[in-house]
Amino acid sequence: MLTFVRTDSSNQNFITLVKLLDAYLSEKDGDEHAFYSQFNKIDKINHVILAYWEEQAVGCGAIKEYGAQITEIKRMYVNPDFRGRKIASKILVELEQWAKELQYESCILETGSRQTEAIELYKNNGYSITPNYGQYQNVENSVCFEKKI
């Protein structure tokens, strides 16, 4: 059975999942990983969703304020052994609900062009490709999305 827990970035299960995410991204991003890594620090993230399959932490995601009414989706990951069960989509729904409760009006996010599964996930969940924002402007490998919530 899948359950969700709201926490923050000090949670040890979140830290463990993010290490797995970073290893995966390092492989996918290759030489560009150091550039992206600088924007993916997890200190001081106050809004983290952890997905548990029974007692095991199997996925995560976070939101971080980007602007007065905009939050950024960060650190989305599902353990490969649990993919194909729509867990990432369910994490997104939980993050969007939390963002609404916090009075945000839209969610933005960035993923790499090599993360084809992530791109499909966001498209299938109502996110639209937008011009690259912030530090991702003029970064050819970045694909940015937005969704009004």
Protein backbone atom coordinates (compact mmCIF):
# COMPACT_ATOMS: atom_id res chain seq x y z
CA MET A 1 0.00 0.00 0.00
CA LEU A 2 1.28 3.45 -0.95
CA THR A 3 1.29 6.23 1.65
CA PHE A 4 2.74 9.73 1.76
CA VAL A 5 4.48 11.70 4.48
CA ARG A 6 5.09 15.43 4.55
CA THR A 7 8.48 16.31 5.95
CA ASP A 8 11.52 18.47 5.22
CA SER A 9 14.99 17.97 3.79
CA SER A 10 16.47 16.84 7.09
CA ASN A 11 14.58 13.53 6.82
CA GLN A 12 17.07 10.66 6.47
CA ASN A 13 14.90 8.75 3.99
CA PHE A 14 14.79 11.84 1.76
CA ILE A 15 18.57 12.22 1.99
CA THR A 16 19.05 8.57 1.01
CA LEU A 17 16.70 8.84 -1.98
CA VAL A 18 18.38 12.06 -3.14
CA LYS A 19 21.76 10.30 -3.14
CA LEU A 20 20.27 7.67 -5.45
CA LEU A 21 18.78 10.43 -7.61
CA ASP A 22 22.12 12.24 -7.83
CA ALA A 23 23.90 9.04 -8.89
CA TYR A 24 21.28 8.49 -11.60
CA LEU A 25 21.53 12.11 -12.82
CA SER A 26 25.33 12.00 -12.82
CA GLU A 27 25.14 9.11 -15.25
CA LYS A 28 22.46 10.76 -17.43
CA ASP A 29 23.95 14.27 -17.43
CA GLY A 30 27.55 13.25 -18.00
CA ASP A 31 29.86 16.26 -18.19
CA GLU A 32 27.01 18.67 -17.45
CA HIS A 33 26.23 17.15 -14.04
CA ALA A 34 28.40 19.59 -12.10
CA PHE A 35 26.48 22.54 -13.57
CA TYR A 36 23.09 21.13 -12.56
CA SER A 37 24.30 19.83 -9.20
CA GLN A 38 24.94 23.35 -7.90
CA PHE A 39 21.18 24.09 -8.11
CA ASN A 40 20.08 20.88 -6.40
CA LYS A 41 21.25 21.33 -2.83
CA ILE A 42 18.76 19.99 -0.33
CA ASP A 43 19.51 22.10 2.71
CA LYS A 44 16.61 24.25 3.84
CA ILE A 45 13.87 22.62 1.78
CA ASN A 46 10.83 22.85 4.03
CA HIS A 47 8.30 20.97 1.90
CA VAL A 48 9.21 17.38 1.02
CA ILE A 49 6.87 14.51 0.13
CA LEU A 50 8.05 10.97 0.76
CA ALA A 51 6.24 8.02 -0.80
CA TYR A 52 6.28 4.77 1.17
CA TRP A 53 5.41 1.35 -0.16
CA GLU A 54 4.44 -0.39 3.06
CA GLU A 55 7.38 0.61 5.32
CA GLN A 56 9.94 1.37 2.60
CA ALA A 57 10.65 4.90 1.29
CA VAL A 58 10.42 4.47 -2.48
CA GLY A 59 10.03 7.99 -3.87
CA CYS A 60 10.29 11.68 -3.14
CA GLY A 61 9.69 15.17 -4.39
CA ALA A 62 9.85 18.67 -2.98
CA ILE A 63 8.63 22.19 -3.54
CA LYS A 64 10.64 25.32 -2.96
CA GLU A 65 9.45 28.90 -3.29
CA TYR A 66 10.56 30.50 -6.53
CA GLY A 67 8.45 33.66 -6.39
CA ALA A 68 5.54 35.15 -4.49
CA GLN A 69 2.99 32.88 -6.17
CA ILE A 70 5.29 30.35 -7.85
CA THR A 71 6.83 27.24 -6.39
CA GLU A 72 9.47 25.06 -8.01
CA ILE A 73 9.21 21.28 -8.07
CA LYS A 74 12.56 19.78 -7.02
CA ARG A 75 14.21 16.41 -6.37
CA MET A 76 11.64 14.11 -7.97
CA TYR A 77 12.71 10.47 -7.78
CA VAL A 78 11.23 6.96 -7.63
CA ASN A 79 13.32 3.89 -6.89
CA PRO A 80 13.66 1.90 -10.16
CA ASP A 81 12.22 -1.22 -8.49
CA PHE A 82 8.94 0.67 -7.95
CA ARG A 83 8.58 2.47 -11.28
CA GLY A 84 5.61 1.77 -13.51
CA ARG A 85 3.13 2.12 -10.62
CA LYS A 86 2.29 5.82 -11.17
CA ILE A 87 4.08 6.73 -7.94
CA ALA A 88 5.77 9.78 -9.49
CA SER A 89 2.41 11.09 -10.71
CA LYS A 90 0.94 10.60 -7.25
CA ILE A 91 3.88 12.46 -5.68
CA LEU A 92 3.23 15.33 -8.10
CA VAL A 93 -0.43 15.46 -7.05
CA GLU A 94 0.61 15.57 -3.39
CA LEU A 95 3.11 18.38 -4.08
CA GLU A 96 0.56 20.37 -6.07
CA GLN A 97 -2.01 20.00 -3.27
CA TRP A 98 0.51 21.22 -0.70
CA ALA A 99 1.44 24.14 -2.96
CA LYS A 100 -2.24 25.12 -3.21
CA GLU A 101 -2.55 25.00 0.58
CA LEU A 102 0.44 27.35 0.75
CA GLN A 103 -1.34 29.76 -1.64
CA TYR A 104 0.88 29.22 -4.68
CA GLU A 105 -0.77 29.63 -8.08
CA SER A 106 1.66 27.73 -10.28
CA CYS A 107 4.42 25.15 -10.22
CA ILE A 108 7.53 25.35 -12.38
CA LEU A 109 10.30 22.83 -12.84
CA GLU A 110 13.37 21.98 -14.87
CA THR A 111 14.54 18.65 -16.17
CA GLY A 112 17.22 17.61 -18.63
CA SER A 113 16.49 16.78 -22.24
CA ARG A 114 18.04 13.33 -21.66
CA GLN A 115 15.48 12.52 -18.95
CA THR A 116 12.85 11.42 -21.46
CA GLU A 117 10.82 9.57 -18.81
CA ALA A 118 10.61 12.74 -16.72
CA ILE A 119 9.54 14.82 -19.71
CA GLU A 120 6.72 12.37 -20.43
CA LEU A 121 5.73 12.34 -16.74
CA TYR A 122 5.32 16.10 -16.66
CA LYS A 123 3.49 16.29 -19.99
CA ASN A 124 1.12 13.52 -18.89
CA ASN A 125 0.37 15.45 -15.69
CA GLY A 126 -0.65 18.71 -17.35
CA TYR A 127 2.67 20.57 -17.39
CA SER A 128 3.47 22.71 -20.43
CA ILE A 129 6.94 23.40 -21.78
CA THR A 130 7.92 27.03 -21.17
CA PRO A 131 10.94 29.15 -21.98
CA ASN A 132 13.84 28.28 -19.68
CA TYR A 133 13.81 30.34 -16.50
CA GLY A 134 16.43 31.64 -14.09
CA GLN A 135 19.75 29.83 -14.13
CA TYR A 136 18.50 27.54 -16.93
CA GLN A 137 18.16 30.31 -19.51
CA ASN A 138 20.41 29.62 -22.48
CA VAL A 139 21.11 26.07 -21.25
CA GLU A 140 20.53 23.86 -24.26
CA ASN A 141 20.01 20.62 -22.29
CA SER A 142 17.34 22.09 -19.96
CA VAL A 143 13.62 21.65 -20.51
CA CYS A 144 11.40 23.81 -18.30
CA PHE A 145 7.72 23.30 -17.50
CA GLU A 146 4.89 25.14 -15.78
CA LYS A 147 1.44 24.23 -14.54
CA LYS A 148 -1.21 26.53 -13.10
CA ILE A 149 -2.66 25.00 -9.96
